[in-house]
Amino acid sequence: MIGRRSTPPAEPEPPVEEVRGGKGRPTPKRKVAEARNRRPLVPDDRKEAKRRAREARNEAYARQRRAMATGDERYLPARDKGPVRRYVRDYVDARWSVAEFFMPVALLMIVVMFFAGSVPELATVVVFGMYAVLFVAIIDSLIMVFLLKRRLRKKFDEQDIPGWTGFYAFSRSFYWRRLRQPKPQVKRGQFPS
């Protein structure tokens, strides 16, 4: 060929001995493997299967209830799992908020409304009072969410903060402290670091 340089032939590489690790047993026949993986679609004893499923479900619910009381992260529902949600719960539980008193005030106002039917002026004042408490509770909770999000951004990476964390804190603040689930794990004023 014109213009090509001839290169000396490359020396052949020494043969590499193949090392077989193997699994130490023969591969099972297809028939045996399929038989091992085959399970009936409908169990033979349906009542027993139903009873076992109910027991497993009840055990899972019991673990979840215990976790809600103790704050055990392993068995909490997905909504409440993770260090960010734990931080949010501790922050909300550590502060006093107007929102947690909205439900008792609303119940009291409903009772007053039953007896205020004969005095319409009192009923009007009670309704406006309830709306005022609701407005103040919403403003207080929104300020709390704003401050909490600022603290979360300082402590955690942006991608670690789950969506709707602000709403999670907002809705938790409207429950009575005793009725919150998972149960509060901190005392008042004991803010997370």
Protein backbone atom coordinates (compact mmCIF):
# COMPACT_ATOMS: atom_id res chain seq x y z
CA MET A 1 0.00 0.00 0.00
CA ILE A 2 1.15 3.46 -0.74
CA GLY A 3 2.13 5.66 2.21
CA ARG A 4 1.53 3.17 4.96
CA ARG A 5 4.16 2.30 7.39
CA SER A 6 4.47 -1.21 8.35
CA THR A 7 4.33 -1.76 12.08
CA PRO A 8 5.89 -4.74 13.67
CA PRO A 9 3.28 -7.29 14.70
CA ALA A 10 2.26 -7.02 18.35
CA GLU A 11 3.41 -9.78 20.59
CA PRO A 12 0.55 -12.03 21.64
CA GLU A 13 -0.49 -11.64 25.28
CA PRO A 14 0.13 -14.61 27.52
CA PRO A 15 -3.06 -16.61 28.08
CA VAL A 16 -4.86 -15.66 31.29
CA GLU A 17 -6.02 -18.53 33.36
CA GLU A 18 -9.73 -18.30 33.95
CA VAL A 19 -10.65 -18.44 37.61
CA ARG A 20 -14.06 -19.84 38.28
CA GLY A 21 -15.61 -18.87 41.55
CA GLY A 22 -18.88 -20.60 40.98
CA LYS A 23 -21.70 -20.88 43.42
CA GLY A 24 -20.68 -24.30 44.62
CA ARG A 25 -23.86 -26.09 43.58
CA PRO A 26 -25.55 -27.00 40.34
CA THR A 27 -28.15 -24.69 38.82
CA PRO A 28 -31.60 -26.03 39.63
CA LYS A 29 -33.77 -27.23 36.78
CA ARG A 30 -36.42 -24.78 35.60
CA LYS A 31 -39.19 -27.07 36.81
CA VAL A 32 -37.77 -27.12 40.35
CA ALA A 33 -37.20 -23.32 40.46
CA GLU A 34 -40.71 -22.57 39.24
CA ALA A 35 -42.24 -25.00 41.72
CA ARG A 36 -40.34 -23.31 44.55
CA ASN A 37 -41.64 -19.84 43.54
CA ARG A 38 -45.20 -20.92 42.89
CA ARG A 39 -47.78 -19.89 45.46
CA PRO A 40 -51.51 -20.29 45.08
CA LEU A 41 -53.48 -17.15 44.27
CA VAL A 42 -56.12 -18.15 46.75
CA PRO A 43 -54.89 -19.83 49.94
CA ASP A 44 -56.27 -23.23 50.86
CA ASP A 45 -57.66 -22.03 54.18
CA ARG A 46 -59.12 -18.60 53.49
CA LYS A 47 -60.36 -18.04 57.04
CA GLU A 48 -56.90 -18.71 58.44
CA ALA A 49 -55.29 -16.41 55.87
CA LYS A 50 -57.80 -13.67 56.71
CA ARG A 51 -57.15 -14.11 60.43
CA ARG A 52 -53.36 -13.87 59.90
CA ALA A 53 -53.75 -10.75 57.75
CA ARG A 54 -55.97 -9.14 60.40
CA GLU A 55 -53.44 -9.97 63.14
CA ALA A 56 -50.59 -8.50 61.08
CA ARG A 57 -52.62 -5.34 60.40
CA ASN A 58 -53.59 -4.97 64.07
CA GLU A 59 -49.96 -5.42 65.13
CA ALA A 60 -48.87 -2.73 62.65
CA TYR A 61 -51.55 -0.36 63.98
CA ALA A 62 -50.50 -1.07 67.57
CA ARG A 63 -46.85 -0.32 66.70
CA GLN A 64 -47.94 2.90 65.02
CA ARG A 65 -50.04 3.96 68.06
CA ARG A 66 -47.08 3.29 70.38
CA ALA A 67 -44.84 5.28 68.06
CA MET A 68 -47.31 8.17 68.09
CA ALA A 69 -47.16 8.21 71.88
CA THR A 70 -43.40 7.77 72.22
CA GLY A 71 -42.12 9.48 69.06
CA ASP A 72 -40.36 6.33 67.77
CA GLU A 73 -39.35 7.28 64.21
CA ARG A 74 -39.33 3.71 62.85
CA TYR A 75 -43.08 3.16 63.05
CA LEU A 76 -44.45 6.66 62.48
CA PRO A 77 -46.58 7.25 59.39
CA ALA A 78 -44.71 8.59 56.35
CA ARG A 79 -46.23 12.04 56.93
CA ASP A 80 -44.44 12.36 60.30
CA LYS A 81 -41.11 10.65 59.57
CA GLY A 82 -37.74 12.28 59.28
CA PRO A 83 -35.52 14.73 61.14
CA VAL A 84 -37.13 17.79 59.52
CA ARG A 85 -40.63 16.81 60.60
CA ARG A 86 -39.29 16.01 64.08
CA TYR A 87 -37.74 19.48 64.24
CA VAL A 88 -41.02 21.07 63.11
CA ARG A 89 -43.02 19.17 65.74
CA ASP A 90 -40.60 20.14 68.49
CA TYR A 91 -40.63 23.79 67.41
CA VAL A 92 -44.44 23.98 67.30
CA ASP A 93 -44.81 22.14 70.61
CA ALA A 94 -42.28 24.36 72.38
CA ARG A 95 -44.14 27.62 71.74
CA TRP A 96 -47.39 29.07 72.97
CA SER A 97 -49.70 29.93 70.11
CA VAL A 98 -53.07 31.61 69.84
CA ALA A 99 -54.22 28.96 67.37
CA GLU A 100 -54.26 26.14 69.91
CA PHE A 101 -56.81 28.09 71.95
CA PHE A 102 -59.10 28.67 68.97
CA MET A 103 -60.98 25.36 69.33
CA PRO A 104 -61.87 25.83 73.02
CA VAL A 105 -62.90 29.44 72.35
CA ALA A 106 -65.01 28.33 69.38
CA LEU A 107 -66.73 25.65 71.49
CA LEU A 108 -67.39 28.19 74.23
CA MET A 109 -68.84 30.61 71.71
CA ILE A 110 -71.15 27.93 70.32
CA VAL A 111 -72.47 27.25 73.82
CA VAL A 112 -72.96 30.98 74.39
CA MET A 113 -74.84 31.22 71.07
CA PHE A 114 -77.43 28.70 72.33
CA PHE A 115 -78.27 30.96 75.25
CA ALA A 116 -77.83 34.24 73.40
CA GLY A 117 -80.85 33.69 71.13
CA SER A 118 -82.97 36.06 73.19
CA VAL A 119 -80.26 38.77 73.15
CA PRO A 120 -79.29 39.39 69.49
CA GLU A 121 -76.70 42.04 70.42
CA LEU A 122 -74.78 39.47 72.48
CA ALA A 123 -74.91 36.99 69.60
CA THR A 124 -73.42 39.59 67.25
CA VAL A 125 -70.60 40.36 69.68
CA VAL A 126 -69.88 36.63 70.12
CA VAL A 127 -69.72 36.06 66.35
CA PHE A 128 -67.37 39.01 65.83
CA GLY A 129 -65.27 37.84 68.76
CA MET A 130 -64.94 34.38 67.24
CA TYR A 131 -63.86 35.85 63.91
CA ALA A 132 -61.34 38.09 65.68
CA VAL A 133 -59.81 35.11 67.51
CA LEU A 134 -59.67 33.17 64.24
CA PHE A 135 -57.98 36.08 62.44
CA VAL A 136 -55.38 36.53 65.21
CA ALA A 137 -54.75 32.75 65.28
CA ILE A 138 -54.14 32.65 61.52
CA ILE A 139 -51.77 35.65 61.63
CA ASP A 140 -49.88 34.14 64.59
CA SER A 141 -49.53 30.78 62.82
CA LEU A 142 -48.37 32.37 59.56
CA ILE A 143 -45.68 34.32 61.43
CA MET A 144 -44.65 31.09 63.17
CA VAL A 145 -44.40 29.29 59.79
CA PHE A 146 -42.30 32.13 58.34
CA LEU A 147 -39.85 32.03 61.27
CA LEU A 148 -39.77 28.23 61.25
CA LYS A 149 -38.93 28.06 57.54
CA ARG A 150 -36.05 30.47 58.10
CA ARG A 151 -34.69 28.22 60.87
CA LEU A 152 -35.15 25.11 58.73
CA ARG A 153 -33.14 26.62 55.86
CA LYS A 154 -30.29 27.37 58.28
CA LYS A 155 -30.28 23.88 59.79
CA PHE A 156 -31.12 21.60 56.81
CA ASP A 157 -30.35 21.52 53.12
CA GLU A 158 -33.09 22.83 50.85
CA GLN A 159 -33.62 19.42 49.18
CA ASP A 160 -34.00 17.73 52.59
CA ILE A 161 -37.01 19.86 53.53
CA PRO A 162 -40.16 18.02 52.37
CA GLY A 163 -42.94 19.84 50.60
CA TRP A 164 -45.83 21.23 52.61
CA THR A 165 -43.73 21.51 55.75
CA GLY A 166 -45.21 24.93 56.45
CA PHE A 167 -48.73 23.55 56.22
CA TYR A 168 -47.70 20.67 58.51
CA ALA A 169 -46.60 23.18 61.16
CA PHE A 170 -49.63 25.42 60.56
CA SER A 171 -52.13 22.59 61.02
CA ARG A 172 -50.30 21.19 64.07
CA SER A 173 -50.47 24.57 65.77
CA PHE A 174 -54.30 24.54 65.61
CA TYR A 175 -54.59 21.38 67.74
CA TRP A 176 -54.74 21.39 71.50
CA ARG A 177 -51.36 20.36 72.81
CA ARG A 178 -52.86 17.25 74.47
CA LEU A 179 -54.56 16.11 71.26
CA ARG A 180 -51.53 16.44 68.96
CA GLN A 181 -50.31 13.29 67.27
CA PRO A 182 -47.48 12.31 67.55
CA LYS A 183 -47.47 13.39 71.18
CA PRO A 184 -45.27 16.38 72.07
CA GLN A 185 -41.78 15.26 73.14
CA VAL A 186 -40.60 18.66 74.45
CA LYS A 187 -41.78 21.01 77.15
CA ARG A 188 -42.94 24.57 76.55
CA GLY A 189 -40.00 26.85 75.89
CA GLN A 190 -37.67 23.94 75.07
CA PHE A 191 -36.99 24.90 71.45
CA PRO A 192 -34.89 22.59 69.26
CA SER A 193 -31.34 23.71 68.57
